[in-house]
Amino acid sequence: MRTGDMLAHHALTTGQHTSATTDPDGVLHVSFTLTDGTIQHFTRNRPGGPEGWRADLQESQHGDCAFNEPVSTAWGCGLELIASRHTGSTK
């Protein structure tokens, strides 16, 4: 399993809280707060779809870790669902 997929799998299965925003450049951001308080971020350009997600910054009490890892379409579908619940649309 690729790093981006492992991070998405962990976030989607253990995330306790989620949020989604769009920045002024049109980049969609989804964040998951995990059970240990770590926050895992994912990003995708708009327009886009499940194939465009990337694992991004991971913030934790032990320090931050910057990722720029692709997420497969299979796990990207889950990120799309979370994003659409927060934003009403992911287009």
PDB file of N, CA and C in Angstrom:
ATOM      1  N   MET A   1       0.844  -1.172   0.000  1.00  0.00           N
ATOM      2  CA  MET A   1       0.000   0.000   0.000  1.00  0.00           C
ATOM      3  C   MET A   1       0.891   1.237   0.000  1.00  0.00           C
ATOM      4  N   ARG A   2       0.573   2.207  -0.810  1.00  0.00           N
ATOM      5  CA  ARG A   2       1.339   3.438  -0.892  1.00  0.00           C
ATOM      6  C   ARG A   2       1.119   4.312   0.340  1.00  0.00           C
ATOM      7  N   THR A   3       2.058   5.219   0.577  1.00  0.00           N
ATOM      8  CA  THR A   3       1.987   6.093   1.750  1.00  0.00           C
ATOM      9  C   THR A   3       0.698   6.911   1.769  1.00  0.00           C
ATOM     10  N   GLY A   4       0.343   7.525   0.645  1.00  0.00           N
ATOM     11  CA  GLY A   4      -0.890   8.312   0.591  1.00  0.00           C
ATOM     12  C   GLY A   4      -2.120   7.486   0.916  1.00  0.00           C
ATOM     13  N   ASP A   5      -2.154   6.250   0.420  1.00  0.00           N
ATOM     14  CA  ASP A   5      -3.288   5.362   0.709  1.00  0.00           C
ATOM     15  C   ASP A   5      -3.310   4.955   2.177  1.00  0.00           C
ATOM     16  N   MET A   6      -2.143   4.703   2.743  1.00  0.00           N
ATOM     17  CA  MET A   6      -2.091   4.336   4.168  1.00  0.00           C
ATOM     18  C   MET A   6      -2.589   5.496   5.041  1.00  0.00           C
ATOM     19  N   LEU A   7      -2.186   6.711   4.708  1.00  0.00           N
ATOM     20  CA  LEU A   7      -2.636   7.866   5.480  1.00  0.00           C
ATOM     21  C   LEU A   7      -4.139   8.093   5.321  1.00  0.00           C
ATOM     22  N   ALA A   8      -4.640   7.938   4.100  1.00  0.00           N
ATOM     23  CA  ALA A   8      -6.082   8.092   3.867  1.00  0.00           C
ATOM     24  C   ALA A   8      -6.871   6.996   4.580  1.00  0.00           C
ATOM     25  N   HIS A   9      -6.403   5.763   4.502  1.00  0.00           N
ATOM     26  CA  HIS A   9      -7.066   4.659   5.185  1.00  0.00           C
ATOM     27  C   HIS A   9      -7.150   4.934   6.681  1.00  0.00           C
ATOM     28  N   HIS A  10      -6.032   5.325   7.269  1.00  0.00           N
ATOM     29  CA  HIS A  10      -6.006   5.594   8.708  1.00  0.00           C
ATOM     30  C   HIS A  10      -6.949   6.744   9.067  1.00  0.00           C
ATOM     31  N   ALA A  11      -6.919   7.817   8.287  1.00  0.00           N
ATOM     32  CA  ALA A  11      -7.780   8.971   8.569  1.00  0.00           C
ATOM     33  C   ALA A  11      -9.258   8.619   8.430  1.00  0.00           C
ATOM     34  N   LEU A  12      -9.606   7.898   7.365  1.00  0.00           N
ATOM     35  CA  LEU A  12     -11.011   7.561   7.133  1.00  0.00           C
ATOM     36  C   LEU A  12     -11.555   6.550   8.135  1.00  0.00           C
ATOM     37  N   THR A  13     -10.700   5.705   8.677  1.00  0.00           N
ATOM     38  CA  THR A  13     -11.185   4.674   9.598  1.00  0.00           C
ATOM     39  C   THR A  13     -11.077   5.065  11.071  1.00  0.00           C
ATOM     40  N   THR A  14     -10.207   6.009  11.405  1.00  0.00           N
ATOM     41  CA  THR A  14     -10.045   6.368  12.819  1.00  0.00           C
ATOM     42  C   THR A  14     -10.329   7.834  13.109  1.00  0.00           C
ATOM     43  N   GLY A  15     -10.615   8.626  12.085  1.00  0.00           N
ATOM     44  CA  GLY A  15     -10.871  10.051  12.296  1.00  0.00           C
ATOM     45  C   GLY A  15     -12.054  10.289  13.211  1.00  0.00           C
ATOM     46  N   GLN A  16     -11.878  11.206  14.148  1.00  0.00           N
ATOM     47  CA  GLN A  16     -12.930  11.542  15.117  1.00  0.00           C
ATOM     48  C   GLN A  16     -13.699  12.805  14.716  1.00  0.00           C
ATOM     49  N   HIS A  17     -13.044  13.672  13.955  1.00  0.00           N
ATOM     50  CA  HIS A  17     -13.638  14.943  13.548  1.00  0.00           C
ATOM     51  C   HIS A  17     -13.071  15.293  12.180  1.00  0.00           C
ATOM     52  N   THR A  18     -13.898  15.874  11.315  1.00  0.00           N
ATOM     53  CA  THR A  18     -13.441  16.267   9.988  1.00  0.00           C
ATOM     54  C   THR A  18     -13.835  17.701   9.700  1.00  0.00           C
ATOM     55  N   SER A  19     -13.088  18.336   8.819  1.00  0.00           N
ATOM     56  CA  SER A  19     -13.456  19.657   8.323  1.00  0.00           C
ATOM     57  C   SER A  19     -12.999  19.772   6.884  1.00  0.00           C
ATOM     58  N   ALA A  20     -13.628  20.662   6.138  1.00  0.00           N
ATOM     59  CA  ALA A  20     -13.261  20.884   4.741  1.00  0.00           C
ATOM     60  C   ALA A  20     -13.394  22.365   4.432  1.00  0.00           C
ATOM     61  N   THR A  21     -12.416  22.890   3.716  1.00  0.00           N
ATOM     62  CA  THR A  21     -12.418  24.292   3.301  1.00  0.00           C
ATOM     63  C   THR A  21     -11.841  24.394   1.895  1.00  0.00           C
ATOM     64  N   THR A  22     -12.067  25.529   1.275  1.00  0.00           N
ATOM     65  CA  THR A  22     -11.460  25.842  -0.009  1.00  0.00           C
ATOM     66  C   THR A  22     -10.680  27.132   0.155  1.00  0.00           C
ATOM     67  N   ASP A  23      -9.422  27.133  -0.302  1.00  0.00           N
ATOM     68  CA  ASP A  23      -8.614  28.343  -0.170  1.00  0.00           C
ATOM     69  C   ASP A  23      -8.864  29.270  -1.359  1.00  0.00           C
ATOM     70  N   PRO A  24      -8.333  30.499  -1.321  1.00  0.00           N
ATOM     71  CA  PRO A  24      -8.575  31.463  -2.399  1.00  0.00           C
ATOM     72  C   PRO A  24      -8.105  30.993  -3.784  1.00  0.00           C
ATOM     73  N   ASP A  25      -7.160  30.059  -3.830  1.00  0.00           N
ATOM     74  CA  ASP A  25      -6.688  29.525  -5.112  1.00  0.00           C
ATOM     75  C   ASP A  25      -7.561  28.384  -5.621  1.00  0.00           C
ATOM     76  N   GLY A  26      -8.619  28.033  -4.890  1.00  0.00           N
ATOM     77  CA  GLY A  26      -9.519  26.967  -5.310  1.00  0.00           C
ATOM     78  C   GLY A  26      -9.088  25.584  -4.887  1.00  0.00           C
ATOM     79  N   VAL A  27      -8.096  25.477  -4.014  1.00  0.00           N
ATOM     80  CA  VAL A  27      -7.644  24.165  -3.541  1.00  0.00           C
ATOM     81  C   VAL A  27      -8.562  23.709  -2.411  1.00  0.00           C
ATOM     82  N   LEU A  28      -9.067  22.494  -2.522  1.00  0.00           N
ATOM     83  CA  LEU A  28      -9.942  21.897  -1.513  1.00  0.00           C
ATOM     84  C   LEU A  28      -9.084  21.233  -0.450  1.00  0.00           C
ATOM     85  N   HIS A  29      -9.349  21.528   0.811  1.00  0.00           N
ATOM     86  CA  HIS A  29      -8.607  20.972   1.943  1.00  0.00           C
ATOM     87  C   HIS A  29      -9.559  20.185   2.827  1.00  0.00           C
ATOM     88  N   VAL A  30      -9.192  18.960   3.165  1.00  0.00           N
ATOM     89  CA  VAL A  30      -9.957  18.141   4.110  1.00  0.00           C
ATOM     90  C   VAL A  30      -8.999  17.744   5.226  1.00  0.00           C
ATOM     91  N   SER A  31      -9.461  17.907   6.473  1.00  0.00           N
ATOM     92  CA  SER A  31      -8.633  17.575   7.633  1.00  0.00           C
ATOM     93  C   SER A  31      -9.379  16.604   8.533  1.00  0.00           C
ATOM     94  N   PHE A  32      -8.631  15.655   9.093  1.00  0.00           N
ATOM     95  CA  PHE A  32      -9.167  14.666  10.014  1.00  0.00           C
ATOM     96  C   PHE A  32      -8.419  14.778  11.331  1.00  0.00           C
ATOM     97  N   THR A  33      -9.148  14.864  12.439  1.00  0.00           N
ATOM     98  CA  THR A  33      -8.531  14.761  13.748  1.00  0.00           C
ATOM     99  C   THR A  33      -8.621  13.305  14.169  1.00  0.00           C
ATOM    100  N   LEU A  34      -7.459  12.699  14.411  1.00  0.00           N
ATOM    101  CA  LEU A  34      -7.380  11.275  14.736  1.00  0.00           C
ATOM    102  C   LEU A  34      -7.501  11.062  16.241  1.00  0.00           C
ATOM    103  N   THR A  35      -7.610   9.832  16.660  1.00  0.00           N
ATOM    104  CA  THR A  35      -7.864   9.503  18.062  1.00  0.00           C
ATOM    105  C   THR A  35      -6.783  10.003  19.006  1.00  0.00           C
ATOM    106  N   ASP A  36      -5.545  10.129  18.541  1.00  0.00           N
ATOM    107  CA  ASP A  36      -4.461  10.603  19.410  1.00  0.00           C
ATOM    108  C   ASP A  36      -4.270  12.116  19.337  1.00  0.00           C
ATOM    109  N   GLY A  37      -5.164  12.826  18.652  1.00  0.00           N
ATOM    110  CA  GLY A  37      -5.075  14.272  18.519  1.00  0.00           C
ATOM    111  C   GLY A  37      -4.315  14.740  17.291  1.00  0.00           C
ATOM    112  N   THR A  38      -3.690  13.819  16.573  1.00  0.00           N
ATOM    113  CA  THR A  38      -2.997  14.164  15.334  1.00  0.00           C
ATOM    114  C   THR A  38      -4.013  14.668  14.313  1.00  0.00           C
ATOM    115  N   ILE A  39      -3.622  15.658  13.528  1.00  0.00           N
ATOM    116  CA  ILE A  39      -4.478  16.159  12.457  1.00  0.00           C
ATOM    117  C   ILE A  39      -3.805  15.840  11.128  1.00  0.00           C
ATOM    118  N   GLN A  40      -4.519  15.092  10.288  1.00  0.00           N
ATOM    119  CA  GLN A  40      -4.017  14.721   8.961  1.00  0.00           C
ATOM    120  C   GLN A  40      -4.770  15.534   7.921  1.00  0.00           C
ATOM    121  N   HIS A  41      -4.028  16.196   7.052  1.00  0.00           N
ATOM    122  CA  HIS A  41      -4.597  17.040   6.002  1.00  0.00           C
ATOM    123  C   HIS A  41      -4.449  16.379   4.633  1.00  0.00           C
ATOM    124  N   PHE A  42      -5.449  16.613   3.785  1.00  0.00           N
ATOM    125  CA  PHE A  42      -5.441  16.167   2.392  1.00  0.00           C
ATOM    126  C   PHE A  42      -5.855  17.347   1.527  1.00  0.00           C
ATOM    127  N   THR A  43      -5.333  17.418   0.299  1.00  0.00           N
ATOM    128  CA  THR A  43      -5.674  18.513  -0.604  1.00  0.00           C
ATOM    129  C   THR A  43      -5.989  17.984  -1.994  1.00  0.00           C
ATOM    130  N   ARG A  44      -6.780  18.780  -2.725  1.00  0.00           N
ATOM    131  CA  ARG A  44      -7.104  18.464  -4.114  1.00  0.00           C
ATOM    132  C   ARG A  44      -7.443  19.765  -4.836  1.00  0.00           C
ATOM    133  N   ASN A  45      -6.934  19.919  -6.062  1.00  0.00           N
ATOM    134  CA  ASN A  45      -7.281  21.077  -6.880  1.00  0.00           C
ATOM    135  C   ASN A  45      -8.715  20.965  -7.359  1.00  0.00           C
ATOM    136  N   ARG A  46      -9.332  22.129  -7.586  1.00  0.00           N
ATOM    137  CA  ARG A  46     -10.662  22.187  -8.184  1.00  0.00           C
ATOM    138  C   ARG A  46     -10.527  22.733  -9.581  1.00  0.00           C
ATOM    139  N   PRO A  47     -11.240  22.272 -10.570  1.00  0.00           N
ATOM    140  CA  PRO A  47     -12.064  21.078 -10.473  1.00  0.00           C
ATOM    141  C   PRO A  47     -11.180  19.833 -10.404  1.00  0.00           C
ATOM    142  N   GLY A  48     -11.772  18.792  -9.966  1.00  0.00           N
ATOM    143  CA  GLY A  48     -11.038  17.537  -9.829  1.00  0.00           C
ATOM    144  C   GLY A  48     -11.971  16.446  -9.380  1.00  0.00           C
ATOM    145  N   GLY A  49     -11.393  15.324  -9.049  1.00  0.00           N
ATOM    146  CA  GLY A  49     -12.180  14.185  -8.614  1.00  0.00           C
ATOM    147  C   GLY A  49     -11.384  13.318  -7.672  1.00  0.00           C
ATOM    148  N   PRO A  50     -11.853  12.115  -7.411  1.00  0.00           N
ATOM    149  CA  PRO A  50     -11.219  11.240  -6.436  1.00  0.00           C
ATOM    150  C   PRO A  50      -9.761  10.909  -6.757  1.00  0.00           C
ATOM    151  N   GLU A  51      -9.398  10.996  -8.023  1.00  0.00           N
ATOM    152  CA  GLU A  51      -8.029  10.672  -8.422  1.00  0.00           C
ATOM    153  C   GLU A  51      -7.040  11.799  -8.128  1.00  0.00           C
ATOM    154  N   GLY A  52      -7.513  12.964  -7.732  1.00  0.00           N
ATOM    155  CA  GLY A  52      -6.644  14.126  -7.548  1.00  0.00           C
ATOM    156  C   GLY A  52      -6.189  14.406  -6.129  1.00  0.00           C
ATOM    157  N   TRP A  53      -6.574  13.584  -5.164  1.00  0.00           N
ATOM    158  CA  TRP A  53      -6.227  13.844  -3.771  1.00  0.00           C
ATOM    159  C   TRP A  53      -4.766  13.533  -3.473  1.00  0.00           C
ATOM    160  N   ARG A  54      -4.210  14.323  -2.561  1.00  0.00           N
ATOM    161  CA  ARG A  54      -2.838  14.112  -2.082  1.00  0.00           C
ATOM    162  C   ARG A  54      -2.840  14.223  -0.571  1.00  0.00           C
ATOM    163  N   ALA A  55      -2.086  13.328   0.079  1.00  0.00           N
ATOM    164  CA  ALA A  55      -1.872  13.436   1.525  1.00  0.00           C
ATOM    165  C   ALA A  55      -0.931  14.607   1.742  1.00  0.00           C
ATOM    166  N   ASP A  56      -1.250  15.442   2.715  1.00  0.00           N
ATOM    167  CA  ASP A  56      -0.494  16.668   2.958  1.00  0.00           C
ATOM    168  C   ASP A  56       0.010  16.663   4.399  1.00  0.00           C
ATOM    169  N   LEU A  57       0.087  17.802   5.006  1.00  0.00           N
ATOM    170  CA  LEU A  57       0.665  17.977   6.335  1.00  0.00           C
ATOM    171  C   LEU A  57      -0.002  17.083   7.387  1.00  0.00           C
ATOM    172  N   GLN A  58       0.814  16.548   8.280  1.00  0.00           N
ATOM    173  CA  GLN A  58       0.325  15.824   9.454  1.00  0.00           C
ATOM    174  C   GLN A  58       0.850  16.568  10.677  1.00  0.00           C
ATOM    175  N   GLU A  59      -0.072  17.068  11.494  1.00  0.00           N
ATOM    176  CA  GLU A  59       0.291  17.806  12.701  1.00  0.00           C
ATOM    177  C   GLU A  59       0.090  16.910  13.916  1.00  0.00           C
ATOM    178  N   SER A  60       1.113  16.830  14.778  1.00  0.00           N
ATOM    179  CA  SER A  60       0.958  16.043  15.999  1.00  0.00           C
ATOM    180  C   SER A  60       1.706  16.705  17.136  1.00  0.00           C
ATOM    181  N   GLN A  61       1.443  16.246  18.334  1.00  0.00           N
ATOM    182  CA  GLN A  61       2.107  16.796  19.508  1.00  0.00           C
ATOM    183  C   GLN A  61       3.603  16.496  19.502  1.00  0.00           C
ATOM    184  N   HIS A  62       4.030  15.546  18.704  1.00  0.00           N
ATOM    185  CA  HIS A  62       5.439  15.170  18.624  1.00  0.00           C
ATOM    186  C   HIS A  62       6.169  15.870  17.484  1.00  0.00           C
ATOM    187  N   GLY A  63       5.463  16.721  16.745  1.00  0.00           N
ATOM    188  CA  GLY A  63       6.051  17.430  15.616  1.00  0.00           C
ATOM    189  C   GLY A  63       5.241  17.214  14.358  1.00  0.00           C
ATOM    190  N   ASP A  64       5.486  18.050  13.383  1.00  0.00           N
ATOM    191  CA  ASP A  64       4.750  17.976  12.124  1.00  0.00           C
ATOM    192  C   ASP A  64       5.556  17.194  11.091  1.00  0.00           C
ATOM    193  N   CYS A  65       4.831  16.630  10.137  1.00  0.00           N
ATOM    194  CA  CYS A  65       5.460  15.893   9.051  1.00  0.00           C
ATOM    195  C   CYS A  65       4.777  16.318   7.754  1.00  0.00           C
ATOM    196  N   ALA A  66       5.563  16.792   6.800  1.00  0.00           N
ATOM    197  CA  ALA A  66       5.004  17.234   5.522  1.00  0.00           C
ATOM    198  C   ALA A  66       5.027  16.084   4.525  1.00  0.00           C
ATOM    199  N   PHE A  67       3.874  15.803   3.945  1.00  0.00           N
ATOM    200  CA  PHE A  67       3.741  14.794   2.901  1.00  0.00           C
ATOM    201  C   PHE A  67       3.299  15.481   1.614  1.00  0.00           C
ATOM    202  N   ASN A  68       3.556  14.875   0.521  1.00  0.00           N
ATOM    203  CA  ASN A  68       3.018  15.267  -0.776  1.00  0.00           C
ATOM    204  C   ASN A  68       2.852  13.971  -1.560  1.00  0.00           C
ATOM    205  N   GLU A  69       1.982  13.112  -1.045  1.00  0.00           N
ATOM    206  CA  GLU A  69       1.823  11.752  -1.558  1.00  0.00           C
ATOM    207  C   GLU A  69       0.462  11.582  -2.227  1.00  0.00           C
ATOM    208  N   PRO A  70       0.426  10.982  -3.414  1.00  0.00           N
ATOM    209  CA  PRO A  70      -0.860  10.749  -4.072  1.00  0.00           C
ATOM    210  C   PRO A  70      -1.702   9.722  -3.315  1.00  0.00           C
ATOM    211  N   VAL A  71      -3.002   9.911  -3.420  1.00  0.00           N
ATOM    212  CA  VAL A  71      -3.977   8.974  -2.853  1.00  0.00           C
ATOM    213  C   VAL A  71      -4.688   8.317  -4.038  1.00  0.00           C
ATOM    214  N   SER A  72      -4.837   6.999  -4.008  1.00  0.00           N
ATOM    215  CA  SER A  72      -5.494   6.306  -5.122  1.00  0.00           C
ATOM    216  C   SER A  72      -6.965   6.696  -5.208  1.00  0.00           C
ATOM    217  N   THR A  73      -7.530   6.465  -6.375  1.00  0.00           N
ATOM    218  CA  THR A  73      -8.940   6.786  -6.601  1.00  0.00           C
ATOM    219  C   THR A  73      -9.845   6.073  -5.590  1.00  0.00           C
ATOM    220  N   ALA A  74      -9.514   4.846  -5.238  1.00  0.00           N
ATOM    221  CA  ALA A  74     -10.339   4.093  -4.286  1.00  0.00           C
ATOM    222  C   ALA A  74     -10.461   4.832  -2.955  1.00  0.00           C
ATOM    223  N   TRP A  75      -9.362   5.314  -2.405  1.00  0.00           N
ATOM    224  CA  TRP A  75      -9.405   6.055  -1.139  1.00  0.00           C
ATOM    225  C   TRP A  75      -9.845   7.494  -1.373  1.00  0.00           C
ATOM    226  N   GLY A  76      -9.580   8.028  -2.564  1.00  0.00           N
ATOM    227  CA  GLY A  76     -10.024   9.371  -2.899  1.00  0.00           C
ATOM    228  C   GLY A  76     -11.542   9.490  -2.893  1.00  0.00           C
ATOM    229  N   CYS A  77     -12.237   8.408  -3.208  1.00  0.00           N
ATOM    230  CA  CYS A  77     -13.709   8.420  -3.160  1.00  0.00           C
ATOM    231  C   CYS A  77     -14.202   8.716  -1.746  1.00  0.00           C
ATOM    232  N   GLY A  78     -13.543   8.150  -0.751  1.00  0.00           N
ATOM    233  CA  GLY A  78     -13.914   8.432   0.637  1.00  0.00           C
ATOM    234  C   GLY A  78     -13.659   9.884   1.004  1.00  0.00           C
ATOM    235  N   LEU A  79     -12.541  10.429   0.535  1.00  0.00           N
ATOM    236  CA  LEU A  79     -12.237  11.839   0.794  1.00  0.00           C
ATOM    237  C   LEU A  79     -13.259  12.744   0.107  1.00  0.00           C
ATOM    238  N   GLU A  80     -13.674  12.364  -1.105  1.00  0.00           N
ATOM    239  CA  GLU A  80     -14.715  13.116  -1.826  1.00  0.00           C
ATOM    240  C   GLU A  80     -16.011  13.161  -1.024  1.00  0.00           C
ATOM    241  N   LEU A  81     -16.400  12.028  -0.465  1.00  0.00           N
ATOM    242  CA  LEU A  81     -17.630  11.951   0.317  1.00  0.00           C
ATOM    243  C   LEU A  81     -17.563  12.876   1.529  1.00  0.00           C
ATOM    244  N   ILE A  82     -16.459  12.840   2.254  1.00  0.00           N
ATOM    245  CA  ILE A  82     -16.301  13.713   3.423  1.00  0.00           C
ATOM    246  C   ILE A  82     -16.330  15.174   2.989  1.00  0.00           C
ATOM    247  N   ALA A  83     -15.604  15.513   1.930  1.00  0.00           N
ATOM    248  CA  ALA A  83     -15.570  16.895   1.448  1.00  0.00           C
ATOM    249  C   ALA A  83     -16.961  17.382   1.033  1.00  0.00           C
ATOM    250  N   SER A  84     -17.703  16.540   0.341  1.00  0.00           N
ATOM    251  CA  SER A  84     -19.030  16.954  -0.130  1.00  0.00           C
ATOM    252  C   SER A  84     -20.005  17.157   1.026  1.00  0.00           C
ATOM    253  N   ARG A  85     -19.829  16.416   2.108  1.00  0.00           N
ATOM    254  CA  ARG A  85     -20.706  16.596   3.280  1.00  0.00           C
ATOM    255  C   ARG A  85     -20.475  17.942   3.947  1.00  0.00           C
ATOM    256  N   HIS A  86     -19.250  18.452   3.840  1.00  0.00           N
ATOM    257  CA  HIS A  86     -18.924  19.730   4.454  1.00  0.00           C
ATOM    258  C   HIS A  86     -19.178  20.920   3.519  1.00  0.00           C
ATOM    259  N   THR A  87     -18.940  20.718   2.238  1.00  0.00           N
ATOM    260  CA  THR A  87     -19.014  21.849   1.296  1.00  0.00           C
ATOM    261  C   THR A  87     -20.268  21.838   0.437  1.00  0.00           C
ATOM    262  N   GLY A  88     -20.991  20.726   0.398  1.00  0.00           N
ATOM    263  CA  GLY A  88     -22.168  20.610  -0.439  1.00  0.00           C
ATOM    264  C   GLY A  88     -21.850  20.181  -1.864  1.00  0.00           C
ATOM    265  N   SER A  89     -20.599  20.342  -2.272  1.00  0.00           N
ATOM    266  CA  SER A  89     -20.162  19.946  -3.597  1.00  0.00           C
ATOM    267  C   SER A  89     -18.643  19.864  -3.604  1.00  0.00           C
ATOM    268  N   THR A  90     -18.104  19.015  -4.443  1.00  0.00           N
ATOM    269  CA  THR A  90     -16.655  18.932  -4.554  1.00  0.00           C
ATOM    270  C   THR A  90     -16.166  19.345  -5.926  1.00  0.00           C
ATOM    271  N   LYS A  91     -17.044  19.815  -6.774  1.00  0.00           N
ATOM    272  CA  LYS A  91     -16.645  20.224  -8.141  1.00  0.00           C
ATOM    273  C   LYS A  91     -15.816  21.470  -8.111  1.00  0.00           C
TER     274      LYS A  91
END
